[in-house]
Amino acid sequence: MIQLYVNDIIASVTRPVKELKGFKRTALKSAEKKTIEFELPVGKLGFYNRYMKYTVEPGMFKIMIGTSSRDIILEDQFEVIA
């Protein structure tokens, strides 16, 4: 199983360090390689702020791909612009 995690680097409220945003189950034979694609709509980056309003704040996000939250294989960053 491949899992997609996101971290909002600087948010107005405390957010999870690794928030699961997607996963895909796939079977591989020995030494087989496969490309896995995830779609991450900007709305999935939102959260309920201190006024209980669902919002997506602009800023930097870290994206992590791995077989579990402890076994991260790829990391990168992207920016959401208002």
PDB file of N, CA and C in Angstrom:
ATOM      1  N   MET A   1       0.849  -1.171   0.000  1.00  0.00           N
ATOM      2  CA  MET A   1       0.000   0.000   0.000  1.00  0.00           C
ATOM      3  C   MET A   1       0.898   1.238   0.000  1.00  0.00           C
ATOM      4  N   ILE A   2       0.504   2.226  -0.803  1.00  0.00           N
ATOM      5  CA  ILE A   2       1.214   3.503  -0.877  1.00  0.00           C
ATOM      6  C   ILE A   2       0.318   4.564  -0.252  1.00  0.00           C
ATOM      7  N   GLN A   3       0.898   5.391   0.629  1.00  0.00           N
ATOM      8  CA  GLN A   3       0.119   6.387   1.353  1.00  0.00           C
ATOM      9  C   GLN A   3       0.646   7.794   1.077  1.00  0.00           C
ATOM     10  N   LEU A   4      -0.284   8.755   1.041  1.00  0.00           N
ATOM     11  CA  LEU A   4       0.024  10.161   0.794  1.00  0.00           C
ATOM     12  C   LEU A   4      -0.288  10.955   2.057  1.00  0.00           C
ATOM     13  N   TYR A   5       0.720  11.651   2.569  1.00  0.00           N
ATOM     14  CA  TYR A   5       0.579  12.478   3.771  1.00  0.00           C
ATOM     15  C   TYR A   5       0.905  13.930   3.438  1.00  0.00           C
ATOM     16  N   VAL A   6       0.265  14.848   4.172  1.00  0.00           N
ATOM     17  CA  VAL A   6       0.506  16.277   3.991  1.00  0.00           C
ATOM     18  C   VAL A   6       0.722  16.911   5.361  1.00  0.00           C
ATOM     19  N   ASN A   7       1.608  17.909   5.399  1.00  0.00           N
ATOM     20  CA  ASN A   7       1.841  18.703   6.604  1.00  0.00           C
ATOM     21  C   ASN A   7       1.750  20.172   6.228  1.00  0.00           C
ATOM     22  N   ASP A   8       0.853  20.908   6.896  1.00  0.00           N
ATOM     23  CA  ASP A   8       0.750  22.357   6.736  1.00  0.00           C
ATOM     24  C   ASP A   8       1.854  22.953   7.605  1.00  0.00           C
ATOM     25  N   ILE A   9       2.897  23.462   6.982  1.00  0.00           N
ATOM     26  CA  ILE A   9       4.109  23.852   7.713  1.00  0.00           C
ATOM     27  C   ILE A   9       3.845  24.967   8.715  1.00  0.00           C
ATOM     28  N   ILE A  10       3.099  26.004   8.313  1.00  0.00           N
ATOM     29  CA  ILE A  10       2.754  27.092   9.241  1.00  0.00           C
ATOM     30  C   ILE A  10       1.258  27.353   9.113  1.00  0.00           C
ATOM     31  N   ALA A  11       0.507  27.041  10.151  1.00  0.00           N
ATOM     32  CA  ALA A  11      -0.947  27.234  10.150  1.00  0.00           C
ATOM     33  C   ALA A  11      -1.350  28.085  11.349  1.00  0.00           C
ATOM     34  N   SER A  12      -2.557  28.635  11.269  1.00  0.00           N
ATOM     35  CA  SER A  12      -3.036  29.488  12.360  1.00  0.00           C
ATOM     36  C   SER A  12      -3.452  28.674  13.585  1.00  0.00           C
ATOM     37  N   VAL A  13      -3.667  27.378  13.427  1.00  0.00           N
ATOM     38  CA  VAL A  13      -3.964  26.477  14.534  1.00  0.00           C
ATOM     39  C   VAL A  13      -3.051  25.260  14.408  1.00  0.00           C
ATOM     40  N   THR A  14      -2.894  24.525  15.480  1.00  0.00           N
ATOM     41  CA  THR A  14      -2.050  23.333  15.466  1.00  0.00           C
ATOM     42  C   THR A  14      -2.647  22.281  14.544  1.00  0.00           C
ATOM     43  N   ARG A  15      -1.819  21.762  13.649  1.00  0.00           N
ATOM     44  CA  ARG A  15      -2.246  20.748  12.680  1.00  0.00           C
ATOM     45  C   ARG A  15      -1.401  19.494  12.853  1.00  0.00           C
ATOM     46  N   PRO A  16      -1.883  18.348  12.366  1.00  0.00           N
ATOM     47  CA  PRO A  16      -1.100  17.115  12.469  1.00  0.00           C
ATOM     48  C   PRO A  16       0.227  17.226  11.713  1.00  0.00           C
ATOM     49  N   VAL A  17       1.238  16.557  12.210  1.00  0.00           N
ATOM     50  CA  VAL A  17       2.543  16.536  11.546  1.00  0.00           C
ATOM     51  C   VAL A  17       2.452  15.751  10.243  1.00  0.00           C
ATOM     52  N   LYS A  18       1.691  14.669  10.249  1.00  0.00           N
ATOM     53  CA  LYS A  18       1.463  13.861   9.049  1.00  0.00           C
ATOM     54  C   LYS A  18      -0.025  13.549   8.983  1.00  0.00           C
ATOM     55  N   GLU A  19      -0.700  14.161   8.032  1.00  0.00           N
ATOM     56  CA  GLU A  19      -2.136  13.963   7.887  1.00  0.00           C
ATOM     57  C   GLU A  19      -2.387  13.129   6.628  1.00  0.00           C
ATOM     58  N   LEU A  20      -2.949  11.932   6.797  1.00  0.00           N
ATOM     59  CA  LEU A  20      -3.210  11.037   5.675  1.00  0.00           C
ATOM     60  C   LEU A  20      -4.251  11.657   4.752  1.00  0.00           C
ATOM     61  N   LYS A  21      -3.899  11.809   3.467  1.00  0.00           N
ATOM     62  CA  LYS A  21      -4.808  12.403   2.489  1.00  0.00           C
ATOM     63  C   LYS A  21      -5.188  11.435   1.381  1.00  0.00           C
ATOM     64  N   GLY A  22      -4.545  10.287   1.326  1.00  0.00           N
ATOM     65  CA  GLY A  22      -4.900   9.316   0.306  1.00  0.00           C
ATOM     66  C   GLY A  22      -4.050   8.068   0.427  1.00  0.00           C
ATOM     67  N   PHE A  23      -4.550   6.991  -0.160  1.00  0.00           N
ATOM     68  CA  PHE A  23      -3.764   5.761  -0.213  1.00  0.00           C
ATOM     69  C   PHE A  23      -4.243   4.931  -1.393  1.00  0.00           C
ATOM     70  N   LYS A  24      -3.355   4.089  -1.900  1.00  0.00           N
ATOM     71  CA  LYS A  24      -3.681   3.178  -2.996  1.00  0.00           C
ATOM     72  C   LYS A  24      -3.051   1.832  -2.698  1.00  0.00           C
ATOM     73  N   ARG A  25      -3.839   0.808  -2.894  1.00  0.00           N
ATOM     74  CA  ARG A  25      -3.375  -0.563  -2.711  1.00  0.00           C
ATOM     75  C   ARG A  25      -2.919  -1.071  -4.075  1.00  0.00           C
ATOM     76  N   THR A  26      -1.734  -1.643  -4.143  1.00  0.00           N
ATOM     77  CA  THR A  26      -1.221  -2.170  -5.402  1.00  0.00           C
ATOM     78  C   THR A  26      -0.367  -3.398  -5.128  1.00  0.00           C
ATOM     79  N   ALA A  27      -0.387  -4.327  -6.051  1.00  0.00           N
ATOM     80  CA  ALA A  27       0.420  -5.541  -5.916  1.00  0.00           C
ATOM     81  C   ALA A  27       1.605  -5.453  -6.872  1.00  0.00           C
ATOM     82  N   LEU A  28       2.782  -5.785  -6.369  1.00  0.00           N
ATOM     83  CA  LEU A  28       3.995  -5.772  -7.191  1.00  0.00           C
ATOM     84  C   LEU A  28       4.676  -7.127  -7.109  1.00  0.00           C
ATOM     85  N   LYS A  29       5.188  -7.561  -8.257  1.00  0.00           N
ATOM     86  CA  LYS A  29       6.011  -8.765  -8.273  1.00  0.00           C
ATOM     87  C   LYS A  29       7.432  -8.365  -7.893  1.00  0.00           C
ATOM     88  N   SER A  30       8.260  -9.317  -7.597  1.00  0.00           N
ATOM     89  CA  SER A  30       9.641  -9.052  -7.223  1.00  0.00           C
ATOM     90  C   SER A  30      10.342  -8.226  -8.308  1.00  0.00           C
ATOM     91  N   ALA A  31      10.974  -7.133  -7.912  1.00  0.00           N
ATOM     92  CA  ALA A  31      11.722  -6.220  -8.784  1.00  0.00           C
ATOM     93  C   ALA A  31      10.837  -5.444  -9.763  1.00  0.00           C
ATOM     94  N   GLU A  32       9.526  -5.532  -9.631  1.00  0.00           N
ATOM     95  CA  GLU A  32       8.615  -4.786 -10.500  1.00  0.00           C
ATOM     96  C   GLU A  32       8.505  -3.345 -10.026  1.00  0.00           C
ATOM     97  N   LYS A  33       8.368  -2.424 -10.966  1.00  0.00           N
ATOM     98  CA  LYS A  33       8.175  -1.010 -10.651  1.00  0.00           C
ATOM     99  C   LYS A  33       6.847  -0.567 -11.239  1.00  0.00           C
ATOM    100  N   LYS A  34       6.210   0.371 -10.558  1.00  0.00           N
ATOM    101  CA  LYS A  34       4.926   0.868 -11.030  1.00  0.00           C
ATOM    102  C   LYS A  34       4.806   2.339 -10.646  1.00  0.00           C
ATOM    103  N   THR A  35       4.234   3.136 -11.530  1.00  0.00           N
ATOM    104  CA  THR A  35       3.973   4.544 -11.241  1.00  0.00           C
ATOM    105  C   THR A  35       2.587   4.657 -10.621  1.00  0.00           C
ATOM    106  N   ILE A  36       2.526   5.327  -9.484  1.00  0.00           N
ATOM    107  CA  ILE A  36       1.266   5.565  -8.776  1.00  0.00           C
ATOM    108  C   ILE A  36       0.998   7.061  -8.814  1.00  0.00           C
ATOM    109  N   GLU A  37      -0.212   7.442  -9.171  1.00  0.00           N
ATOM    110  CA  GLU A  37      -0.579   8.859  -9.225  1.00  0.00           C
ATOM    111  C   GLU A  37      -1.657   9.158  -8.193  1.00  0.00           C
ATOM    112  N   PHE A  38      -1.512  10.308  -7.538  1.00  0.00           N
ATOM    113  CA  PHE A  38      -2.509  10.802  -6.595  1.00  0.00           C
ATOM    114  C   PHE A  38      -3.015  12.147  -7.089  1.00  0.00           C
ATOM    115  N   GLU A  39      -4.287  12.404  -6.872  1.00  0.00           N
ATOM    116  CA  GLU A  39      -4.834  13.741  -7.074  1.00  0.00           C
ATOM    117  C   GLU A  39      -5.094  14.335  -5.695  1.00  0.00           C
ATOM    118  N   LEU A  40      -4.681  15.576  -5.517  1.00  0.00           N
ATOM    119  CA  LEU A  40      -4.865  16.247  -4.234  1.00  0.00           C
ATOM    120  C   LEU A  40      -5.525  17.604  -4.483  1.00  0.00           C
ATOM    121  N   PRO A  41      -6.865  17.624  -4.532  1.00  0.00           N
ATOM    122  CA  PRO A  41      -7.553  18.903  -4.731  1.00  0.00           C
ATOM    123  C   PRO A  41      -7.255  19.854  -3.576  1.00  0.00           C
ATOM    124  N   VAL A  42      -7.200  21.130  -3.864  1.00  0.00           N
ATOM    125  CA  VAL A  42      -6.853  22.118  -2.840  1.00  0.00           C
ATOM    126  C   VAL A  42      -7.829  22.065  -1.665  1.00  0.00           C
ATOM    127  N   GLY A  43      -9.060  21.693  -1.896  1.00  0.00           N
ATOM    128  CA  GLY A  43     -10.042  21.597  -0.819  1.00  0.00           C
ATOM    129  C   GLY A  43      -9.683  20.573   0.248  1.00  0.00           C
ATOM    130  N   LYS A  44      -8.886  19.562  -0.111  1.00  0.00           N
ATOM    131  CA  LYS A  44      -8.464  18.560   0.872  1.00  0.00           C
ATOM    132  C   LYS A  44      -7.393  19.090   1.819  1.00  0.00           C
ATOM    133  N   LEU A  45      -6.882  20.287   1.554  1.00  0.00           N
ATOM    134  CA  LEU A  45      -5.860  20.889   2.413  1.00  0.00           C
ATOM    135  C   LEU A  45      -6.487  21.744   3.515  1.00  0.00           C
ATOM    136  N   GLY A  46      -7.775  21.868   3.496  1.00  0.00           N
ATOM    137  CA  GLY A  46      -8.467  22.735   4.449  1.00  0.00           C
ATOM    138  C   GLY A  46      -8.655  22.100   5.821  1.00  0.00           C
ATOM    139  N   PHE A  47      -9.119  22.930   6.740  1.00  0.00           N
ATOM    140  CA  PHE A  47      -9.401  22.519   8.113  1.00  0.00           C
ATOM    141  C   PHE A  47     -10.369  23.524   8.720  1.00  0.00           C
ATOM    142  N   TYR A  48     -10.932  23.176   9.869  1.00  0.00           N
ATOM    143  CA  TYR A  48     -11.814  24.099  10.580  1.00  0.00           C
ATOM    144  C   TYR A  48     -10.966  24.983  11.489  1.00  0.00           C
ATOM    145  N   ASN A  49     -11.036  26.283  11.240  1.00  0.00           N
ATOM    146  CA  ASN A  49     -10.225  27.215  12.032  1.00  0.00           C
ATOM    147  C   ASN A  49     -10.854  27.454  13.401  1.00  0.00           C
ATOM    148  N   ARG A  50     -10.300  28.369  14.156  1.00  0.00           N
ATOM    149  CA  ARG A  50     -10.777  28.596  15.529  1.00  0.00           C
ATOM    150  C   ARG A  50     -12.209  29.149  15.584  1.00  0.00           C
ATOM    151  N   TYR A  51     -12.733  29.612  14.441  1.00  0.00           N
ATOM    152  CA  TYR A  51     -14.112  30.091  14.378  1.00  0.00           C
ATOM    153  C   TYR A  51     -15.038  29.029  13.783  1.00  0.00           C
ATOM    154  N   MET A  52     -14.516  27.801  13.651  1.00  0.00           N
ATOM    155  CA  MET A  52     -15.242  26.657  13.102  1.00  0.00           C
ATOM    156  C   MET A  52     -15.692  26.893  11.659  1.00  0.00           C
ATOM    157  N   LYS A  53     -14.860  27.619  10.912  1.00  0.00           N
ATOM    158  CA  LYS A  53     -15.100  27.849   9.487  1.00  0.00           C
ATOM    159  C   LYS A  53     -14.080  27.033   8.705  1.00  0.00           C
ATOM    160  N   TYR A  54     -14.572  26.248   7.731  1.00  0.00           N
ATOM    161  CA  TYR A  54     -13.658  25.439   6.917  1.00  0.00           C
ATOM    162  C   TYR A  54     -12.877  26.374   6.004  1.00  0.00           C
ATOM    163  N   THR A  55     -11.560  26.278   6.056  1.00  0.00           N
ATOM    164  CA  THR A  55     -10.712  27.198   5.308  1.00  0.00           C
ATOM    165  C   THR A  55      -9.460  26.498   4.788  1.00  0.00           C
ATOM    166  N   VAL A  56      -8.937  27.017   3.706  1.00  0.00           N
ATOM    167  CA  VAL A  56      -7.631  26.602   3.193  1.00  0.00           C
ATOM    168  C   VAL A  56      -6.742  27.835   3.269  1.00  0.00           C
ATOM    169  N   GLU A  57      -5.740  27.786   4.128  1.00  0.00           N
ATOM    170  CA  GLU A  57      -4.846  28.935   4.282  1.00  0.00           C
ATOM    171  C   GLU A  57      -3.721  28.879   3.260  1.00  0.00           C
ATOM    172  N   PRO A  58      -3.345  30.027   2.710  1.00  0.00           N
ATOM    173  CA  PRO A  58      -2.184  30.030   1.823  1.00  0.00           C
ATOM    174  C   PRO A  58      -0.918  29.731   2.620  1.00  0.00           C
ATOM    175  N   GLY A  59       0.071  29.182   1.960  1.00  0.00           N
ATOM    176  CA  GLY A  59       1.341  28.906   2.625  1.00  0.00           C
ATOM    177  C   GLY A  59       1.997  27.656   2.090  1.00  0.00           C
ATOM    178  N   MET A  60       3.072  27.254   2.765  1.00  0.00           N
ATOM    179  CA  MET A  60       3.859  26.101   2.350  1.00  0.00           C
ATOM    180  C   MET A  60       3.326  24.817   2.975  1.00  0.00           C
ATOM    181  N   PHE A  61       3.329  23.769   2.177  1.00  0.00           N
ATOM    182  CA  PHE A  61       2.910  22.443   2.606  1.00  0.00           C
ATOM    183  C   PHE A  61       3.997  21.445   2.254  1.00  0.00           C
ATOM    184  N   LYS A  62       4.171  20.463   3.116  1.00  0.00           N
ATOM    185  CA  LYS A  62       5.082  19.353   2.822  1.00  0.00           C
ATOM    186  C   LYS A  62       4.227  18.174   2.406  1.00  0.00           C
ATOM    187  N   ILE A  63       4.639  17.489   1.347  1.00  0.00           N
ATOM    188  CA  ILE A  63       3.947  16.293   0.878  1.00  0.00           C
ATOM    189  C   ILE A  63       4.884  15.111   1.068  1.00  0.00           C
ATOM    190  N   MET A  64       4.352  14.002   1.566  1.00  0.00           N
ATOM    191  CA  MET A  64       5.170  12.819   1.859  1.00  0.00           C
ATOM    192  C   MET A  64       4.471  11.578   1.305  1.00  0.00           C
ATOM    193  N   ILE A  65       5.248  10.708   0.684  1.00  0.00           N
ATOM    194  CA  ILE A  65       4.754   9.452   0.126  1.00  0.00           C
ATOM    195  C   ILE A  65       5.524   8.317   0.778  1.00  0.00           C
ATOM    196  N   GLY A  66       4.814   7.267   1.185  1.00  0.00           N
ATOM    197  CA  GLY A  66       5.496   6.126   1.794  1.00  0.00           C
ATOM    198  C   GLY A  66       4.576   4.932   1.937  1.00  0.00           C
ATOM    199  N   THR A  67       5.120   3.868   2.483  1.00  0.00           N
ATOM    200  CA  THR A  67       4.323   2.663   2.712  1.00  0.00           C
ATOM    201  C   THR A  67       3.634   2.694   4.081  1.00  0.00           C
ATOM    202  N   SER A  68       4.035   3.658   4.927  1.00  0.00           N
ATOM    203  CA  SER A  68       3.389   3.897   6.217  1.00  0.00           C
ATOM    204  C   SER A  68       3.822   5.283   6.688  1.00  0.00           C
ATOM    205  N   SER A  69       3.261   5.743   7.796  1.00  0.00           N
ATOM    206  CA  SER A  69       3.648   7.061   8.315  1.00  0.00           C
ATOM    207  C   SER A  69       5.089   7.065   8.819  1.00  0.00           C
ATOM    208  N   ARG A  70       5.629   5.888   9.131  1.00  0.00           N
ATOM    209  CA  ARG A  70       7.019   5.776   9.600  1.00  0.00           C
ATOM    210  C   ARG A  70       7.997   5.500   8.469  1.00  0.00           C
ATOM    211  N   ASP A  71       7.499   5.065   7.324  1.00  0.00           N
ATOM    212  CA  ASP A  71       8.354   4.679   6.204  1.00  0.00           C
ATOM    213  C   ASP A  71       8.106   5.605   5.019  1.00  0.00           C
ATOM    214  N   ILE A  72       8.546   6.849   5.155  1.00  0.00           N
ATOM    215  CA  ILE A  72       8.385   7.848   4.099  1.00  0.00           C
ATOM    216  C   ILE A  72       9.525   7.681   3.090  1.00  0.00           C
ATOM    217  N   ILE A  73       9.150   7.564   1.815  1.00  0.00           N
ATOM    218  CA  ILE A  73      10.116   7.330   0.745  1.00  0.00           C
ATOM    219  C   ILE A  73      10.437   8.622  -0.013  1.00  0.00           C
ATOM    220  N   LEU A  74       9.406   9.425  -0.278  1.00  0.00           N
ATOM    221  CA  LEU A  74       9.569  10.675  -1.030  1.00  0.00           C
ATOM    222  C   LEU A  74       8.996  11.837  -0.240  1.00  0.00           C
ATOM    223  N   GLU A  75       9.674  12.992  -0.325  1.00  0.00           N
ATOM    224  CA  GLU A  75       9.184  14.228   0.298  1.00  0.00           C
ATOM    225  C   GLU A  75       9.408  15.384  -0.657  1.00  0.00           C
ATOM    226  N   ASP A  76       8.497  16.338  -0.629  1.00  0.00           N
ATOM    227  CA  ASP A  76       8.657  17.561  -1.406  1.00  0.00           C
ATOM    228  C   ASP A  76       7.794  18.636  -0.756  1.00  0.00           C
ATOM    229  N   GLN A  77       7.873  19.846  -1.266  1.00  0.00           N
ATOM    230  CA  GLN A  77       7.071  20.944  -0.744  1.00  0.00           C
ATOM    231  C   GLN A  77       6.379  21.653  -1.891  1.00  0.00           C
ATOM    232  N   PHE A  78       5.256  22.294  -1.582  1.00  0.00           N
ATOM    233  CA  PHE A  78       4.559  23.126  -2.553  1.00  0.00           C
ATOM    234  C   PHE A  78       3.910  24.266  -1.796  1.00  0.00           C
ATOM    235  N   GLU A  79       3.498  25.279  -2.540  1.00  0.00           N
ATOM    236  CA  GLU A  79       2.897  26.461  -1.925  1.00  0.00           C
ATOM    237  C   GLU A  79       1.493  26.662  -2.449  1.00  0.00           C
ATOM    238  N   VAL A  80       0.572  26.971  -1.545  1.00  0.00           N
ATOM    239  CA  VAL A  80      -0.780  27.355  -1.905  1.00  0.00           C
ATOM    240  C   VAL A  80      -0.820  28.882  -1.848  1.00  0.00           C
ATOM    241  N   ILE A  81      -1.251  29.480  -2.937  1.00  0.00           N
ATOM    242  CA  ILE A  81      -1.303  30.944  -3.053  1.00  0.00           C
ATOM    243  C   ILE A  81      -2.754  31.375  -3.030  1.00  0.00           C
ATOM    244  N   ALA A  82      -3.061  32.387  -2.234  1.00  0.00           N
ATOM    245  CA  ALA A  82      -4.445  32.871  -2.105  1.00  0.00           C
ATOM    246  C   ALA A  82      -4.921  33.509  -3.387  1.00  0.00           C
TER     247      ALA A  82
END
